[in-house]
C-alpha atoms as a PDB file:
ATOM      1  CA  MET A   1      66.992 105.336 120.204  1.00  0.00           C
ATOM      2  CA  LYS A   2      69.556 104.219 122.805  1.00  0.00           C
ATOM      3  CA  LYS A   3      71.914 107.111 121.882  1.00  0.00           C
ATOM      4  CA  CYS A   4      69.089 109.643 122.340  1.00  0.00           C
ATOM      5  CA  GLN A   5      68.327 108.307 125.824  1.00  0.00           C
ATOM      6  CA  ASP A   6      72.015 108.378 126.742  1.00  0.00           C
ATOM      7  CA  LYS A   7      72.299 112.006 125.647  1.00  0.00           C
ATOM      8  CA  LYS A   8      69.186 112.928 127.662  1.00  0.00           C
ATOM      9  CA  SER A   9      70.500 111.242 130.791  1.00  0.00           C
ATOM     10  CA  GLU A  10      73.910 112.944 130.352  1.00  0.00           C
ATOM     11  CA  SER A  11      72.141 116.276 129.912  1.00  0.00           C
ATOM     12  CA  LEU A  12      70.059 115.730 133.053  1.00  0.00           C
ATOM     13  CA  GLN A  13      73.169 114.694 134.950  1.00  0.00           C
ATOM     14  CA  ASP A  14      74.962 117.859 133.779  1.00  0.00           C
ATOM     15  CA  GLN A  15      71.986 119.953 134.892  1.00  0.00           C
ATOM     16  CA  GLY A  16      72.003 118.229 138.264  1.00  0.00           C
ATOM     17  CA  GLU A  17      75.690 119.035 138.700  1.00  0.00           C
ATOM     18  CA  GLU A  18      75.080 122.665 137.706  1.00  0.00           C
ATOM     19  CA  VAL A  19      72.229 122.950 140.208  1.00  0.00           C
ATOM     20  CA  SER A  20      74.377 121.382 142.917  1.00  0.00           C
ATOM     21  CA  GLU A  21      77.230 123.782 142.125  1.00  0.00           C
ATOM     22  CA  LEU A  22      74.834 126.762 142.182  1.00  0.00           C
ATOM     23  CA  PHE A  23      73.426 125.603 145.523  1.00  0.00           C
ATOM     24  CA  GLN A  24      76.952 125.420 146.964  1.00  0.00           C
ATOM     25  CA  LYS A  25      77.692 128.939 145.694  1.00  0.00           C
ATOM     26  CA  VAL A  26      74.500 130.264 147.295  1.00  0.00           C
ATOM     27  CA  LYS A  27      75.486 128.642 150.596  1.00  0.00           C
ATOM     28  CA  GLN A  28      78.983 130.158 150.344  1.00  0.00           C
ATOM     29  CA  VAL A  29      77.591 133.640 149.724  1.00  0.00           C
ATOM     30  CA  ILE A  30      75.223 133.323 152.674  1.00  0.00           C
ATOM     31  CA  GLN A  31      78.099 132.207 154.915  1.00  0.00           C
ATOM     32  CA  MET A  32      80.259 135.122 153.776  1.00  0.00           C
ATOM     33  CA  ILE A  33      77.422 137.577 154.469  1.00  0.00           C
ATOM     34  CA  GLU A  34      76.979 136.038 157.906  1.00  0.00           C
ATOM     35  CA  ASP A  35      80.713 136.525 158.478  1.00  0.00           C
ATOM     36  CA  GLY A  36      80.308 140.278 157.906  1.00  0.00           C
ATOM     37  CA  ASN A  37      80.944 140.689 154.168  1.00  0.00           C
ATOM     38  CA  SER A  38      78.580 142.596 151.916  1.00  0.00           C
ATOM     39  CA  GLU A  39      76.390 140.665 149.507  1.00  0.00           C
ATOM     40  CA  ASN A  40      78.116 142.365 146.578  1.00  0.00           C
ATOM     41  CA  TYR A  41      81.580 141.394 147.814  1.00  0.00           C
ATOM     42  CA  ALA A  42      80.528 137.819 148.641  1.00  0.00           C
ATOM     43  CA  CYS A  43      78.954 137.287 145.221  1.00  0.00           C
ATOM     44  CA  GLY A  44      82.085 138.645 143.545  1.00  0.00           C
ATOM     45  CA  GLN A  45      84.338 136.344 145.545  1.00  0.00           C
ATOM     46  CA  VAL A  46      82.221 133.268 144.845  1.00  0.00           C
ATOM     47  CA  GLY A  47      81.787 134.196 141.187  1.00  0.00           C
ATOM     48  CA  ILE A  48      78.022 134.530 140.999  1.00  0.00           C
ATOM     49  CA  ASN A  49      75.871 137.406 139.774  1.00  0.00           C
ATOM     50  CA  ARG A  50      73.811 139.067 142.553  1.00  0.00           C
ATOM     51  CA  ALA A  51      70.529 138.630 140.665  1.00  0.00           C
ATOM     52  CA  THR A  52      71.358 134.964 140.057  1.00  0.00           C
ATOM     53  CA  PHE A  53      72.205 134.589 143.736  1.00  0.00           C
ATOM     54  CA  ARG A  54      68.904 136.099 144.873  1.00  0.00           C
ATOM     55  CA  ASN A  55      66.836 134.067 142.414  1.00  0.00           C
ATOM     56  CA  ALA A  56      68.652 130.870 143.377  1.00  0.00           C
ATOM     57  CA  ALA A  57      68.234 131.634 147.093  1.00  0.00           C
ATOM     58  CA  LEU A  58      64.475 131.843 146.551  1.00  0.00           C
ATOM     59  CA  ARG A  59      64.418 128.741 144.364  1.00  0.00           C
ATOM     60  CA  PHE A  60      66.409 126.706 146.881  1.00  0.00           C
ATOM     61  CA  LYS A  61      64.219 128.038 149.704  1.00  0.00           C
ATOM     62  CA  VAL A  62      67.120 129.297 151.800  1.00  0.00           C
ATOM     63  CA  ASP A  63      65.400 132.586 152.569  1.00  0.00           C
ATOM     64  CA  ASN A  64      65.550 131.943 156.335  1.00  0.00           C
ATOM     65  CA  GLU A  65      69.308 131.429 156.191  1.00  0.00           C
ATOM     66  CA  TYR A  66      69.638 134.532 154.018  1.00  0.00           C
ATOM     67  CA  ALA A  67      67.576 136.589 156.478  1.00  0.00           C
ATOM     68  CA  ARG A  68      69.677 135.281 159.361  1.00  0.00           C
ATOM     69  CA  ALA A  69      72.852 136.231 157.470  1.00  0.00           C
ATOM     70  CA  LEU A  70      71.553 139.761 156.833  1.00  0.00           C
ATOM     71  CA  SER A  71      70.683 140.068 160.504  1.00  0.00           C
ATOM     72  CA  ALA A  72      74.209 138.984 161.448  1.00  0.00           C
ATOM     73  CA  LEU A  73      75.627 141.482 158.949  1.00  0.00           C
ATOM     74  CA  ALA A  74      73.578 144.298 160.499  1.00  0.00           C
ATOM     75  CA  GLN A  75      74.690 143.255 163.974  1.00  0.00           C
ATOM     76  CA  ASN A  76      78.281 143.329 162.727  1.00  0.00           C
ATOM     77  CA  GLN A  77      77.731 146.905 161.518  1.00  0.00           C
ATOM     78  CA  VAL A  78      76.534 147.884 164.994  1.00  0.00           C
ATOM     79  CA  GLU A  79      79.651 146.344 166.537  1.00  0.00           C
ATOM     80  CA  LEU A  80      81.835 148.243 164.055  1.00  0.00           C
ATOM     81  CA  LEU A  81      79.893 151.400 164.910  1.00  0.00           C
ATOM     82  CA  GLU A  82      80.698 150.906 168.586  1.00  0.00           C
ATOM     83  CA  SER A  83      84.324 150.324 167.642  1.00  0.00           C
ATOM     84  CA  ALA A  84      84.379 153.619 165.698  1.00  0.00           C
ATOM     85  CA  ILE A  85      83.064 155.422 168.769  1.00  0.00           C
ATOM     86  CA  ASP A  86      85.840 153.897 170.878  1.00  0.00           C
ATOM     87  CA  ASP A  87      88.447 154.822 168.243  1.00  0.00           C
ATOM     88  CA  MET A  88      87.196 158.411 168.260  1.00  0.00           C
ATOM     89  CA  ARG A  89      87.341 158.582 172.058  1.00  0.00           C
ATOM     90  CA  THR A  90      90.906 157.271 172.135  1.00  0.00           C
ATOM     91  CA  GLY A  91      91.963 159.640 169.350  1.00  0.00           C
ATOM     92  CA  LYS A  92      92.659 156.950 166.718  1.00  0.00           C
ATOM     93  CA  ILE A  93      90.312 158.663 164.263  1.00  0.00           C
ATOM     94  CA  ASP A  94      89.101 162.227 163.828  1.00  0.00           C
ATOM     95  CA  ALA A  95      85.673 163.096 165.260  1.00  0.00           C
ATOM     96  CA  GLN A  96      84.286 164.170 161.868  1.00  0.00           C
ATOM     97  CA  MET A  97      85.548 160.982 160.247  1.00  0.00           C
ATOM     98  CA  ALA A  98      83.979 158.958 163.039  1.00  0.00           C
ATOM     99  CA  LYS A  99      80.666 160.776 162.576  1.00  0.00           C
ATOM    100  CA  VAL A 100      80.533 159.846 158.885  1.00  0.00           C
ATOM    101  CA  GLU A 101      81.336 156.206 159.660  1.00  0.00           C
ATOM    102  CA  ILE A 102      78.861 156.059 162.539  1.00  0.00           C
ATOM    103  CA  ASP A 103      76.065 157.612 160.474  1.00  0.00           C
ATOM    104  CA  ALA A 104      76.671 155.191 157.595  1.00  0.00           C
ATOM    105  CA  ARG A 105      76.707 152.137 159.865  1.00  0.00           C
ATOM    106  CA  LYS A 106      73.666 153.387 161.780  1.00  0.00           C
ATOM    107  CA  TRP A 107      71.758 153.823 158.505  1.00  0.00           C
ATOM    108  CA  PHE A 108      72.779 150.338 157.400  1.00  0.00           C
ATOM    109  CA  ALA A 109      71.643 148.746 160.655  1.00  0.00           C
ATOM    110  CA  SER A 110      68.321 150.631 160.546  1.00  0.00           C
ATOM    111  CA  LYS A 111      67.581 149.260 157.067  1.00  0.00           C
ATOM    112  CA  PHE A 112      68.501 145.649 157.821  1.00  0.00           C
ATOM    113  CA  LEU A 113      67.090 145.461 161.366  1.00  0.00           C
ATOM    114  CA  PRO A 114      64.391 148.157 161.379  1.00  0.00           C
ATOM    115  CA  LYS A 115      62.522 146.755 164.371  1.00  0.00           C
ATOM    116  CA  ARG A 116      65.632 146.927 166.494  1.00  0.00           C
ATOM    117  CA  TYR A 117      67.563 149.919 165.110  1.00  0.00           C
ATOM    118  CA  GLY A 118      65.020 151.809 163.007  1.00  0.00           C
ATOM    119  CA  GLU A 119      63.695 155.224 163.865  1.00  0.00           C
ATOM    120  CA  LYS A 120      60.053 154.458 163.171  1.00  0.00           C
ATOM    121  CA  ILE A 121      57.881 154.895 166.215  1.00  0.00           C
ATOM    122  CA  THR A 122      54.792 152.751 166.514  1.00  0.00           C
ATOM    123  CA  GLN A 123      52.008 153.195 168.977  1.00  0.00           C
ATOM    124  CA  GLU A 124      49.618 150.489 170.010  1.00  0.00           C
ATOM    125  CA  ILE A 125      46.351 151.225 171.688  1.00  0.00           C
ATOM    126  CA  SER A 126      44.851 148.568 173.889  1.00  0.00           C
ATOM    127  CA  GLY A 127      42.341 148.158 176.629  1.00  0.00           C
ATOM    128  CA  PRO A 128      43.069 147.664 180.321  1.00  0.00           C
ATOM    129  CA  ASP A 129      46.035 145.330 181.050  1.00  0.00           C
ATOM    130  CA  GLY A 130      46.780 144.940 177.333  1.00  0.00           C
ATOM    131  CA  SER A 131      43.414 143.447 176.491  1.00  0.00           C
ATOM    132  CA  PRO A 132      41.659 144.333 173.231  1.00  0.00           C
ATOM    133  CA  ILE A 133      39.661 147.537 173.064  1.00  0.00           C
ATOM    134  CA  THR A 134      35.970 146.934 173.577  1.00  0.00           C
ATOM    135  CA  GLN A 135      33.275 149.031 172.030  1.00  0.00           C
ATOM    136  CA  ALA A 136      30.473 150.022 174.283  1.00  0.00           C
ATOM    137  CA  SER A 137      27.058 149.952 172.694  1.00  0.00           C
ATOM    138  CA  VAL A 138      24.697 152.806 173.421  1.00  0.00           C
ATOM    139  CA  SER A 139      20.972 152.352 173.673  1.00  0.00           C
ATOM    140  CA  LEU A 140      18.825 155.309 172.640  1.00  0.00           C
ATOM    141  CA  SER A 141      15.221 155.841 173.441  1.00  0.00           C
ATOM    142  CA  PRO A 142      12.884 156.345 170.449  1.00  0.00           C
ATOM    143  CA  GLU A 143      12.747 160.063 171.241  1.00  0.00           C
ATOM    144  CA  GLN A 144      16.575 160.316 171.283  1.00  0.00           C
ATOM    145  CA  GLU A 145      16.776 158.408 167.972  1.00  0.00           C
ATOM    146  CA  ASN A 146      14.320 160.879 166.389  1.00  0.00           C
ATOM    147  CA  ASN A 147      16.298 163.860 167.699  1.00  0.00           C
ATOM    148  CA  LEU A 148      19.552 162.373 166.407  1.00  0.00           C
ATOM    149  CA  SER A 149      18.041 161.684 162.981  1.00  0.00           C
ATOM    150  CA  ALA A 150      16.741 165.263 162.808  1.00  0.00           C
ATOM    151  CA  LEU A 151      20.203 166.626 163.652  1.00  0.00           C
ATOM    152  CA  VAL A 152      21.810 164.449 160.965  1.00  0.00           C
ATOM    153  CA  GLU A 153      19.281 165.614 158.339  1.00  0.00           C
ATOM    154  CA  LEU A 154      19.855 169.250 159.371  1.00  0.00           C
ATOM    155  CA  ALA A 155      23.637 168.818 159.039  1.00  0.00           C
ATOM    156  CA  LYS A 156      23.234 167.193 155.598  1.00  0.00           C
ATOM    157  CA  SER A 157      21.025 170.020 154.334  1.00  0.00           C
ATOM    158  CA  LYS A 158      23.476 172.663 155.549  1.00  0.00           C
ATOM    159  CA  ALA A 159      26.404 170.811 153.974  1.00  0.00           C
ATOM    160  CA  LYS A 160      24.683 170.894 150.567  1.00  0.00           C
ATOM    161  CA  LYS A 161      24.332 174.672 150.637  1.00  0.00           C
END
């Protein structure tokens, strides 16, 4: 019985070490992404599968750090985009080559920071001074209600024909 308990405790200890090692790998990948490396590259360097990384990131509840890292990566792409523009202006790279690089980095930034760099236009409708829209209620006299009902019935009968 004692040997069985010892094996169980060794097994649990091994699992704890594996979890701790996985957690450290997830943290390393997140740091590398934040430093401007792609997720694919970071996972390869740390030696972890991307699917394993993503599942572990959710399990360890580091989604905020992961989101922050992706935001930093997108910001890095914007800085590199600006650098490509400068390189094109100074003649370091060809204009067509710069266009391809700029378009790729712009696309990347729009996917990772859509609110800031995306092309989606949103329109909000509000009342005066940003207040909510209010609906005005209309009061009809009994005669107006009858006339309105008659018009609705007439429209329904014509729609059926």
